[in-house]
N, C-alpha and C. Protein backbone atom coordinates (compact mmCIF):
# COMPACT_ATOMS: atom_id res chain seq x y z
N UNK A 1 15.85 -12.19 -22.09
CA UNK A 1 14.60 -12.54 -21.78
C UNK A 1 14.15 -11.53 -21.36
N UNK A 2 13.13 -11.32 -21.44
CA UNK A 2 11.54 -10.33 -21.39
C UNK A 2 11.87 -11.06 -19.29
N UNK A 3 11.76 -9.50 -18.77
CA UNK A 3 11.86 -9.37 -17.18
C UNK A 3 10.65 -9.77 -16.87
N UNK A 4 10.53 -10.96 -15.77
CA UNK A 4 9.50 -11.28 -15.33
C UNK A 4 8.97 -10.59 -14.20
N UNK A 5 7.58 -10.28 -14.30
CA UNK A 5 6.70 -9.00 -13.21
C UNK A 5 5.90 -9.71 -12.22
N UNK A 6 6.48 -9.20 -10.85
CA UNK A 6 5.56 -10.20 -9.78
C UNK A 6 4.68 -8.87 -8.70
N UNK A 7 3.37 -9.26 -8.42
CA UNK A 7 3.01 -8.52 -7.65
C UNK A 7 2.37 -9.33 -6.61
N UNK A 8 2.80 -9.45 -5.57
CA UNK A 8 3.12 -9.82 -3.44
C UNK A 8 1.69 -9.77 -3.03
N UNK A 9 1.23 -10.19 -3.05
CA UNK A 9 -0.40 -9.77 -1.79
C UNK A 9 0.32 -9.65 -0.82
N UNK A 10 -0.49 -8.12 -0.66
CA UNK A 10 -0.58 -7.42 1.03
C UNK A 10 -1.32 -8.30 2.26
N UNK A 11 -0.79 -8.69 2.61
CA UNK A 11 -1.60 -9.57 3.92
C UNK A 11 -2.11 -8.47 4.91
N UNK A 12 -1.60 -7.01 4.48
CA UNK A 12 -2.14 -6.20 5.31
C UNK A 12 -3.06 -5.25 5.04
N UNK A 13 -3.15 -5.38 3.43
CA UNK A 13 -4.64 -4.41 3.38
C UNK A 13 -6.14 -4.28 3.77
N UNK A 14 -6.05 -5.21 4.62
CA UNK A 14 -7.60 -5.25 5.64
C UNK A 14 -7.38 -4.33 6.58
N UNK A 15 -6.32 -4.75 7.48
CA UNK A 15 -6.40 -4.17 8.60
C UNK A 15 -5.53 -2.70 8.18
N UNK A 16 -5.22 -1.83 7.37
CA UNK A 16 -4.99 -0.57 6.96
C UNK A 16 -5.87 0.03 5.97
N UNK A 17 -7.10 -1.17 5.70
CA UNK A 17 -8.40 -0.36 5.32
C UNK A 17 -9.39 -0.09 7.10
N UNK A 18 -9.62 -1.20 7.71
CA UNK A 18 -10.07 -1.11 8.54
C UNK A 18 -9.11 0.82 9.86
N UNK A 19 -8.31 0.31 10.16
CA UNK A 19 -7.76 1.34 10.79
C UNK A 19 -8.07 3.22 10.51
N UNK A 20 -7.66 2.91 8.71
CA UNK A 20 -8.27 4.37 8.15
C UNK A 20 -10.39 4.22 8.44
N UNK A 21 -10.83 3.46 8.16
CA UNK A 21 -12.00 3.71 8.62
C UNK A 21 -12.25 4.20 10.37
N UNK A 22 -11.79 3.69 10.80
CA UNK A 22 -11.54 4.50 11.97
C UNK A 22 -10.55 5.64 12.50
N UNK A 23 -10.18 6.38 11.58
CA UNK A 23 -9.71 7.31 11.71
C UNK A 23 -10.53 8.16 11.01
N UNK A 24 -11.24 7.87 10.29
CA UNK A 24 -12.57 8.88 9.42
C UNK A 24 -13.47 8.76 10.88
N UNK A 25 -13.79 7.64 11.04
CA UNK A 25 -15.17 8.24 12.16
C UNK A 25 -14.27 8.93 13.39
N UNK A 26 -13.36 9.03 13.67
CA UNK A 26 -12.58 9.73 14.93
C UNK A 26 -12.32 10.86 14.90
N UNK A 27 -12.20 11.52 13.10
CA UNK A 27 -12.86 12.78 12.69
C UNK A 27 -13.84 13.38 12.94
N UNK A 28 -15.00 12.01 11.72
CA UNK A 28 -15.93 12.84 11.68
C UNK A 28 -16.89 13.35 13.71
N UNK A 29 -16.69 12.42 14.54
CA UNK A 29 -16.84 12.47 15.55
C UNK A 29 -16.86 13.92 16.19
N UNK A 30 -14.78 14.27 15.91
CA UNK A 30 -14.14 15.15 16.20
C UNK A 30 -14.98 16.51 16.13
N UNK A 31 -15.57 16.41 14.46
CA UNK A 31 -16.05 17.43 14.08
C UNK A 31 -17.68 18.13 15.18
N UNK A 32 -18.64 16.62 14.86
CA UNK A 32 -19.85 16.81 15.42
C UNK A 32 -19.34 17.44 16.92
N UNK A 33 -18.33 16.99 18.22
CA UNK A 33 -18.35 17.29 19.19
C UNK A 33 -18.06 19.08 18.67
N UNK A 34 -17.13 19.50 17.98
CA UNK A 34 -16.71 20.56 18.49
C UNK A 34 -17.87 21.62 17.88
N UNK A 35 -18.75 20.82 16.77
CA UNK A 35 -19.93 21.74 16.65
C UNK A 35 -20.74 22.65 17.92
N UNK A 36 -20.83 21.35 19.12
CA UNK A 36 -21.21 22.64 20.47
C UNK A 36 -20.25 24.00 20.76
N UNK A 37 -19.78 23.86 19.95
CA UNK A 37 -18.78 25.11 20.25
C UNK A 37 -19.71 26.26 19.91
N UNK A 38 -20.07 27.47 20.16
CA UNK A 38 -20.69 28.57 19.75
C UNK A 38 -19.28 29.42 19.24
N UNK A 39 -18.26 29.45 18.61
CA UNK A 39 -17.07 29.62 17.73
C UNK A 39 -17.07 28.85 16.95
N UNK A 40 -17.20 27.93 16.54
CA UNK A 40 -16.75 26.79 15.46
C UNK A 40 -18.12 26.21 14.99
N UNK A 41 -19.25 26.48 15.52
CA UNK A 41 -20.30 25.53 14.94
C UNK A 41 -20.18 25.62 13.50
N UNK A 42 -20.74 26.72 12.35
CA UNK A 42 -20.44 26.81 11.32
C UNK A 42 -18.99 26.20 10.74
N UNK A 43 -17.83 25.97 11.01
CA UNK A 43 -17.70 25.73 10.61
C UNK A 43 -16.99 24.07 10.71
N UNK A 44 -16.85 24.13 12.23
CA UNK A 44 -17.23 22.20 12.49
C UNK A 44 -18.94 21.52 11.44
N UNK A 45 -19.43 22.69 11.46
CA UNK A 45 -20.47 21.35 10.55
C UNK A 45 -20.47 21.60 9.19
N UNK A 46 -19.72 22.76 8.55
CA UNK A 46 -19.35 22.80 6.99
C UNK A 46 -18.57 21.14 7.04
N UNK A 47 -17.36 21.06 8.25
CA UNK A 47 -15.65 20.16 7.60
C UNK A 47 -17.18 18.93 8.34
N UNK A 48 -18.21 18.28 9.21
CA UNK A 48 -18.67 17.41 9.56
C UNK A 48 -19.55 17.11 7.46
N UNK A 49 -19.75 18.62 7.27
CA UNK A 49 -20.90 18.26 6.09
C UNK A 49 -20.02 17.51 4.75
N UNK A 50 -18.44 17.98 4.99
CA UNK A 50 -17.89 18.13 3.82
C UNK A 50 -17.26 15.97 3.84
N UNK A 51 -16.73 16.09 4.86
CA UNK A 51 -16.66 14.83 5.65
C UNK A 51 -17.40 13.52 4.75
N UNK A 52 -18.72 13.60 5.31
CA UNK A 52 -19.39 13.10 5.67
C UNK A 52 -20.73 12.36 3.93
N UNK A 53 -20.05 13.90 2.98
CA UNK A 53 -20.87 13.97 1.93
C UNK A 53 -19.55 12.70 1.22
N UNK A 54 -18.50 12.87 1.95
CA UNK A 54 -17.20 12.04 0.98
C UNK A 54 -17.24 10.43 1.23
N UNK A 55 -18.06 10.41 2.65
CA UNK A 55 -18.57 8.83 2.49
C UNK A 55 -19.65 8.40 1.78
N UNK A 56 -20.64 9.26 1.17
CA UNK A 56 -21.76 9.02 0.75
C UNK A 56 -20.87 8.62 -0.38
N UNK A 57 -20.53 9.06 -1.22
CA UNK A 57 -19.11 9.43 -2.70
C UNK A 57 -18.75 7.74 -2.33
N UNK A 58 -18.33 7.15 -1.55
CA UNK A 58 -17.59 6.39 -1.45
C UNK A 58 -18.45 5.32 -1.66
N UNK A 59 -19.32 5.27 -0.46
CA UNK A 59 -20.30 4.30 -0.64
C UNK A 59 -20.95 3.72 -1.95
N UNK A 60 -21.39 5.09 -3.13
CA UNK A 60 -22.17 4.55 -4.16
C UNK A 60 -21.18 4.23 -4.74
N UNK A 61 -20.19 4.73 -4.56
CA UNK A 61 -18.51 4.10 -5.77
C UNK A 61 -18.25 1.92 -5.45
N UNK A 62 -18.53 2.19 -3.94
CA UNK A 62 -18.29 0.51 -3.89
C UNK A 62 -20.07 -0.46 -3.86
N UNK A 63 -20.31 0.98 -3.84
CA UNK A 63 -21.80 0.19 -4.62
C UNK A 63 -22.23 -0.77 -5.88
N UNK A 64 -21.74 -0.11 -6.64
CA UNK A 64 -21.86 0.00 -8.10
C UNK A 64 -20.59 -0.58 -8.72
N UNK A 65 -19.52 -0.59 -7.84
CA UNK A 65 -18.32 -1.88 -8.46
C UNK A 65 -18.47 -2.54 -7.87
N UNK A 66 -19.25 -2.88 -6.90
CA UNK A 66 -19.24 -4.70 -6.05
C UNK A 66 -18.73 -5.04 -5.39
N UNK A 67 -17.54 -3.85 -5.05
CA UNK A 67 -16.19 -4.18 -4.47
C UNK A 67 -16.45 -3.54 -2.71
N UNK A 68 -15.69 -3.27 -2.11
CA UNK A 68 -15.04 -3.69 -1.00
C UNK A 68 -14.71 -2.05 -0.24
N UNK A 69 -16.14 -1.83 0.48
CA UNK A 69 -16.35 -0.58 1.42
C UNK A 69 -14.74 0.14 1.51
N UNK A 70 -13.75 0.45 0.89
CA UNK A 70 -12.36 1.48 1.89
C UNK A 70 -12.69 2.10 1.51
N UNK A 71 -12.07 3.09 2.37
CA UNK A 71 -11.71 5.25 2.05
C UNK A 71 -9.68 4.92 0.98
N UNK A 72 -10.21 5.81 0.33
CA UNK A 72 -8.60 5.79 -0.28
C UNK A 72 -8.01 6.91 0.41
N UNK A 73 -6.97 7.00 -0.16
CA UNK A 73 -5.66 8.26 0.54
C UNK A 73 -6.39 9.49 0.48
N UNK A 74 -7.19 10.06 -0.30
CA UNK A 74 -8.39 11.26 -0.62
C UNK A 74 -9.05 11.85 0.36
N UNK A 75 -9.80 10.74 1.21
CA UNK A 75 -10.58 10.82 2.19
C UNK A 75 -9.18 11.86 3.15
N UNK A 76 -7.96 11.36 3.64
CA UNK A 76 -7.42 12.07 4.77
C UNK A 76 -6.73 13.55 4.18
N UNK A 77 -7.17 13.45 2.90
CA UNK A 77 -6.42 15.08 1.83
C UNK A 77 -7.65 16.05 2.49
N UNK A 78 -8.60 15.69 2.69
CA UNK A 78 -10.69 16.25 2.68
C UNK A 78 -9.62 16.08 4.30
N UNK A 79 -9.61 15.17 4.99
CA UNK A 79 -9.50 15.52 6.76
C UNK A 79 -8.98 17.07 6.77
N UNK A 80 -7.31 16.89 6.00
CA UNK A 80 -6.67 17.86 6.65
C UNK A 80 -7.15 19.24 6.20
N UNK A 81 -7.76 19.82 4.99
CA UNK A 81 -8.32 20.65 4.84
C UNK A 81 -9.43 21.36 5.65
N UNK A 82 -10.49 19.83 6.59
CA UNK A 82 -11.33 20.58 7.50
C UNK A 82 -10.81 20.81 8.51
N UNK A 83 -9.51 20.10 9.08
CA UNK A 83 -8.57 21.04 9.98
C UNK A 83 -8.82 22.46 10.00
N UNK A 84 -7.59 22.71 8.48
CA UNK A 84 -7.66 23.40 8.18
C UNK A 84 -8.57 24.76 8.61
N UNK A 85 -10.13 24.70 7.67
CA UNK A 85 -10.77 25.50 7.67
C UNK A 85 -11.44 25.61 9.83
N UNK A 86 -10.92 24.22 10.66
CA UNK A 86 -11.27 24.97 11.93
C UNK A 86 -9.85 25.30 12.60
N UNK A 87 -9.22 26.00 11.56
CA UNK A 87 -7.96 26.59 12.21
C UNK A 87 -7.15 25.89 13.58
N UNK A 88 -6.44 24.42 12.94
CA UNK A 88 -6.49 23.31 13.50
C UNK A 88 -4.86 22.95 13.20
N UNK A 89 -3.98 23.44 12.88
CA UNK A 89 -3.36 23.31 11.86
C UNK A 89 -1.78 22.28 12.04
N UNK A 90 -2.16 21.93 14.02
CA UNK A 90 -1.23 20.26 13.83
C UNK A 90 -1.71 19.23 14.02
N UNK A 91 -3.59 19.33 13.28
CA UNK A 91 -3.83 17.93 13.21
C UNK A 91 -4.05 18.06 11.87
N UNK A 92 -4.32 19.41 11.14
CA UNK A 92 -4.11 19.14 9.43
C UNK A 92 -3.06 18.47 9.23
N UNK A 93 -1.69 18.45 9.81
CA UNK A 93 -0.11 18.14 9.95
C UNK A 93 -0.60 16.84 10.02
N UNK A 94 -1.09 16.80 11.07
CA UNK A 94 -0.98 15.05 11.73
C UNK A 94 -2.07 14.12 10.68
N UNK A 95 -2.72 14.88 10.14
CA UNK A 95 -3.44 13.66 8.70
C UNK A 95 -3.24 13.58 7.35
N UNK A 96 -2.11 14.62 7.41
CA UNK A 96 -1.57 14.68 5.98
C UNK A 96 -0.49 13.86 6.30
N UNK A 97 0.50 13.84 6.96
CA UNK A 97 0.92 12.29 7.33
C UNK A 97 0.43 11.33 7.22
N UNK A 98 -0.92 10.96 8.14
CA UNK A 98 -1.44 9.73 8.17
C UNK A 98 -1.65 9.70 6.79
N UNK A 99 -2.15 10.44 6.23
CA UNK A 99 -2.58 9.94 4.38
C UNK A 99 -1.52 9.66 3.73
N UNK A 100 -0.67 10.04 4.11
CA UNK A 100 0.96 9.98 3.79
C UNK A 100 1.25 8.44 3.71
N UNK A 101 1.13 7.69 4.96
CA UNK A 101 0.76 6.65 5.64
C UNK A 101 0.67 5.74 4.78
N UNK A 102 -0.88 6.04 5.37
CA UNK A 102 -1.90 5.07 4.13
C UNK A 102 -1.62 4.62 2.82
N UNK A 103 -0.79 5.91 2.16
CA UNK A 103 -0.85 6.00 0.33
C UNK A 103 -0.39 4.97 0.07
N UNK A 104 0.91 5.36 0.97
CA UNK A 104 2.09 4.09 1.01
C UNK A 104 2.33 2.98 0.84
N UNK A 105 1.00 2.22 2.27
CA UNK A 105 1.18 1.21 2.67
C UNK A 105 -0.05 0.58 1.46
N UNK A 106 -1.17 1.32 1.07
CA UNK A 106 -1.19 0.66 -0.16
C UNK A 106 -1.30 0.08 -1.70
N UNK A 107 0.30 1.10 -1.54
CA UNK A 107 0.27 0.93 -2.84
C UNK A 107 0.80 -0.73 -3.13
N UNK A 108 0.84 -0.99 -4.45
CA UNK A 108 1.31 -2.50 -4.76
C UNK A 108 2.71 -3.02 -4.24
N UNK A 109 2.82 -4.14 -4.20
CA UNK A 109 4.54 -4.17 -3.78
C UNK A 109 4.78 -4.95 -5.42
N UNK A 110 5.71 -4.82 -6.01
CA UNK A 110 6.01 -5.07 -7.22
C UNK A 110 7.31 -5.25 -7.07
N UNK A 111 7.50 -6.48 -7.57
CA UNK A 111 9.66 -7.02 -8.20
C UNK A 111 9.03 -7.10 -9.21
N UNK A 112 10.39 -7.00 -10.12
CA UNK A 112 10.82 -6.66 -11.66
C UNK A 112 12.20 -7.71 -11.34
N UNK A 113 11.91 -9.34 -12.04
CA UNK A 113 13.32 -9.70 -11.94
C UNK A 113 13.63 -9.67 -13.76
N UNK A 114 14.46 -9.25 -13.43
CA UNK A 114 15.77 -8.36 -14.62
C UNK A 114 16.70 -9.60 -15.09
N UNK A 115 17.74 -9.07 -15.98
CA UNK A 115 18.77 -11.10 -15.76
C UNK A 115 19.94 -10.21 -15.29
N UNK A 116 20.00 -8.44 -14.51
CA UNK A 116 20.75 -7.62 -13.54
C UNK A 116 20.64 -7.75 -12.62
N UNK A 117 19.29 -7.94 -12.44
CA UNK A 117 18.82 -7.60 -10.68
C UNK A 117 17.39 -7.72 -10.51
N UNK A 118 17.05 -7.53 -9.49
CA UNK A 118 15.74 -8.16 -9.01
C UNK A 118 15.27 -6.66 -8.51
N UNK A 119 14.58 -5.71 -8.97
CA UNK A 119 14.05 -4.43 -8.61
C UNK A 119 12.62 -4.32 -7.78
N UNK A 120 12.79 -3.69 -6.92
CA UNK A 120 11.29 -3.37 -5.91
C UNK A 120 11.23 -2.41 -6.32
N UNK A 121 9.68 -1.80 -6.66
CA UNK A 121 8.69 -0.77 -7.39
C UNK A 121 8.61 -0.04 -6.91
N UNK A 122 8.07 -0.38 -5.09
CA UNK A 122 7.42 0.30 -4.64
C UNK A 122 8.47 1.18 -3.46
N UNK A 123 7.98 2.18 -3.25
CA UNK A 123 8.50 3.22 -2.10
C UNK A 123 9.16 1.69 -0.67
N UNK A 124 10.25 1.78 -0.19
CA UNK A 124 11.18 2.62 -1.00
C UNK A 124 11.67 1.92 -2.04
N UNK A 125 12.25 2.33 -3.15
CA UNK A 125 12.38 1.52 -4.55
C UNK A 125 14.26 0.93 -3.58
N UNK A 126 14.68 -0.15 -4.76
CA UNK A 126 15.72 -1.30 -4.19
C UNK A 126 15.76 -2.45 -5.31
N UNK A 127 17.03 -2.45 -5.05
CA UNK A 127 17.77 -3.05 -6.66
C UNK A 127 17.91 -4.28 -5.09
N UNK A 128 18.27 -5.68 -5.54
CA UNK A 128 18.73 -6.88 -5.20
C UNK A 128 19.41 -7.24 -5.80
N UNK A 129 21.00 -7.56 -5.69
CA UNK A 129 21.73 -8.16 -7.14
C UNK A 129 21.05 -10.08 -6.98
N UNK A 130 21.56 -10.49 -7.81
CA UNK A 130 21.32 -12.13 -8.07
C UNK A 130 22.23 -12.85 -6.97
N UNK A 131 23.68 -11.95 -6.79
CA UNK A 131 24.53 -12.59 -6.12
C UNK A 131 24.34 -12.57 -4.37
N UNK A 132 23.34 -12.49 -4.27
CA UNK A 132 23.14 -11.62 -2.99
C UNK A 132 22.36 -12.60 -2.59
N UNK A 133 21.83 -13.62 -2.94
CA UNK A 133 20.63 -15.01 -3.32
C UNK A 133 21.19 -16.45 -3.86
N UNK A 134 20.90 -16.98 -2.14
CA UNK A 134 21.13 -18.76 -2.54
C UNK A 134 19.57 -19.00 -3.38
N UNK A 135 19.26 -18.63 -3.53
CA UNK A 135 18.16 -19.55 -4.36
C UNK A 135 16.95 -18.89 -4.39
N UNK A 136 16.58 -18.40 -5.66
CA UNK A 136 14.81 -18.37 -5.44
C UNK A 136 13.91 -19.22 -6.72
N UNK A 137 12.56 -19.45 -5.98
CA UNK A 137 12.05 -20.15 -6.65
C UNK A 137 10.16 -19.64 -6.32
N UNK A 138 9.42 -20.27 -6.86
CA UNK A 138 8.36 -19.98 -7.43
C UNK A 138 7.24 -21.65 -7.76
N UNK A 139 6.32 -21.30 -6.49
CA UNK A 139 5.98 -23.04 -6.27
C UNK A 139 4.55 -22.09 -6.16
N UNK A 140 3.39 -22.81 -6.34
CA UNK A 140 1.91 -22.58 -6.20
C UNK A 140 1.66 -21.30 -5.74
N UNK A 141 2.14 -20.19 -6.61
CA UNK A 141 1.82 -18.94 -5.75
C UNK A 141 2.94 -18.33 -5.07
N UNK A 142 3.59 -18.74 -4.38
CA UNK A 142 4.19 -18.66 -3.41
C UNK A 142 5.81 -18.49 -3.54
N UNK A 143 6.30 -17.29 -4.02
CA UNK A 143 7.62 -16.35 -4.13
C UNK A 143 8.35 -16.76 -3.11
N UNK A 144 9.62 -17.71 -3.05
CA UNK A 144 10.57 -17.79 -2.11
C UNK A 144 12.00 -16.93 -2.33
N UNK A 145 12.01 -15.84 -1.18
CA UNK A 145 13.93 -15.68 -2.18
C UNK A 145 14.89 -15.73 -0.89
N UNK A 146 15.30 -16.82 -0.93
CA UNK A 146 16.31 -16.77 -0.05
C UNK A 146 17.84 -16.66 -0.29
N UNK A 147 18.06 -15.33 0.90
CA UNK A 147 19.26 -14.99 0.76
C UNK A 147 20.47 -15.55 1.52
N UNK A 148 22.07 -14.90 1.72
CA UNK A 148 23.02 -16.02 1.43
C UNK A 148 23.29 -14.97 2.84
N UNK A 149 22.85 -14.14 3.35
CA UNK A 149 22.42 -13.95 4.94
C UNK A 149 22.05 -14.17 5.44
N UNK A 150 21.09 -15.30 5.31
CA UNK A 150 20.08 -15.98 6.39
C UNK A 150 18.36 -15.65 6.22
N UNK A 151 18.49 -14.51 5.24
CA UNK A 151 17.17 -13.58 5.55
C UNK A 151 16.17 -14.43 4.53
N UNK A 152 14.71 -14.86 4.80
CA UNK A 152 13.92 -15.50 3.88
C UNK A 152 12.35 -15.30 3.28
N UNK A 153 12.32 -14.73 2.51
CA UNK A 153 11.26 -13.80 1.81
C UNK A 153 10.60 -14.92 1.65
N UNK A 154 9.28 -14.64 2.03
CA UNK A 154 7.73 -16.26 1.14
C UNK A 154 7.09 -15.48 1.50
N UNK A 155 6.31 -15.21 0.00
CA UNK A 155 4.91 -14.10 -0.15
C UNK A 155 4.22 -14.96 -1.10
N UNK A 156 3.28 -14.63 -0.55
CA UNK A 156 1.83 -15.29 -1.96
C UNK A 156 1.66 -13.99 -2.94
N UNK A 157 2.00 -14.79 -3.96
CA UNK A 157 1.87 -13.89 -5.16
C UNK A 157 0.64 -13.50 -6.00
N UNK A 158 0.15 -12.62 -6.09
CA UNK A 158 -0.96 -12.13 -6.58
C UNK A 158 -1.42 -13.01 -8.40
N UNK A 159 -2.26 -14.21 -8.75
CA UNK A 159 -2.39 -14.80 -9.72
C UNK A 159 -1.73 -13.82 -10.96
N UNK A 160 -1.06 -14.59 -12.20
CA UNK A 160 -0.79 -13.43 -13.60
C UNK A 160 -0.55 -14.40 -14.12
N UNK A 161 -1.73 -14.74 -15.62
CA UNK A 161 -1.50 -16.27 -16.27
C UNK A 161 -0.60 -16.41 -17.10
N UNK A 162 0.08 -14.70 -17.20
CA UNK A 162 1.62 -14.69 -17.59
C UNK A 162 2.48 -15.11 -17.89
N UNK A 163 2.41 -15.24 -16.42
CA UNK A 163 4.05 -16.05 -15.35
C UNK A 163 4.11 -17.39 -15.45
N UNK A 164 4.51 -18.54 -15.83
CA UNK A 164 4.70 -19.98 -16.13
C UNK A 164 5.76 -20.18 -14.64
N UNK A 165 4.97 -20.97 -13.59
CA UNK A 165 6.35 -21.54 -12.42
C UNK A 165 7.42 -22.17 -13.71
N UNK A 166 7.05 -22.80 -14.33
CA UNK A 166 8.65 -23.31 -14.72
C UNK A 166 9.73 -22.15 -15.74
N UNK A 167 9.15 -21.71 -16.21
CA UNK A 167 9.78 -20.76 -16.91
C UNK A 167 10.93 -19.67 -15.93
N UNK A 168 9.90 -19.14 -14.74
CA UNK A 168 10.19 -18.32 -13.87
C UNK A 168 11.31 -19.08 -13.13
N UNK A 169 10.65 -20.01 -12.71
CA UNK A 169 12.29 -20.99 -11.58
C UNK A 169 12.91 -21.17 -12.92
N UNK A 170 13.26 -21.76 -13.97
CA UNK A 170 14.79 -21.85 -14.79
C UNK A 170 15.18 -20.59 -15.26
N UNK A 171 14.55 -19.63 -15.18
CA UNK A 171 15.48 -18.21 -15.92
C UNK A 171 16.03 -17.75 -14.30
N UNK A 172 15.45 -18.53 -13.39
CA UNK A 172 15.85 -17.81 -12.23
C UNK A 172 17.00 -18.55 -11.68
N UNK A 173 17.22 -19.83 -11.61
CA UNK A 173 17.98 -20.72 -11.73
C UNK A 173 19.49 -20.63 -12.43
N UNK A 174 18.82 -20.29 -13.99
CA UNK A 174 20.18 -19.91 -14.98
C UNK A 174 20.85 -18.69 -14.34
N UNK A 175 20.42 -17.68 -13.44
CA UNK A 175 20.51 -16.13 -13.35
C UNK A 175 21.58 -16.39 -11.80
N UNK A 176 21.22 -17.39 -11.23
CA UNK A 176 21.67 -17.57 -10.31
C UNK A 176 23.34 -18.63 -10.20
N UNK A 177 23.22 -19.12 -11.74
CA UNK A 177 24.60 -20.07 -11.52
C UNK A 177 24.90 -18.97 -12.64
N UNK A 178 24.61 -17.94 -13.35
CA UNK A 178 25.58 -17.59 -14.24
C UNK A 178 25.69 -16.05 -12.96
N UNK A 179 25.90 -15.07 -12.20
CA UNK A 179 26.11 -14.79 -11.47
C UNK A 179 27.30 -15.40 -10.92
N UNK A 180 28.48 -14.52 -10.71
CA UNK A 180 29.78 -14.31 -10.01
C UNK A 180 29.49 -14.73 -8.27
N UNK A 181 29.65 -15.62 -7.37
CA UNK A 181 29.62 -15.02 -6.32
C UNK A 181 30.47 -14.00 -5.93
N UNK A 182 29.52 -13.07 -5.25
CA UNK A 182 30.43 -12.03 -4.15
C UNK A 182 30.15 -11.69 -2.95
N UNK A 183 30.65 -11.29 -2.35
CA UNK A 183 30.23 -10.11 -0.74
C UNK A 183 28.80 -9.66 -0.88
N UNK A 184 27.36 -9.93 -0.10
CA UNK A 184 26.59 -9.01 -0.06
C UNK A 184 26.78 -8.71 0.91
């Protein structure tokens, strides 16, 4: 039987995007503040201009696609480059770290249900053996994984017309019955 692939909804996506927006605005403000210095005026103005042009670019993209306005992780690379121009390497490093964390938080949370195990594809990857589960159920768009160690994962999935709840639940129950019990 082919594997079932599911993408879990990320309920914190909006707050991650809002935090990124705040960080971009804070950096933009810092560039304006630094431009008041005589020694860093041109570098700070250039940094402000680069970031402002990127903000306009993202806004134009959002208007064309009629999507929600947010920044992609590339914004943090631009910010880090601006801090390098200003010779504030610690701020550039911090921007890169925050950009990496933002990139990881924006990834889709994908689970692949196979005969041998359940694989979590996003970072950090993980394999969940069938024998570590008491029950697996998909109902009304909510996936439930009941672990033998009393942990419970319940999360809404993104709609996928290819996934039949009945077929998935039959597959999961078959895998749970056929997998020998073991210590998890």
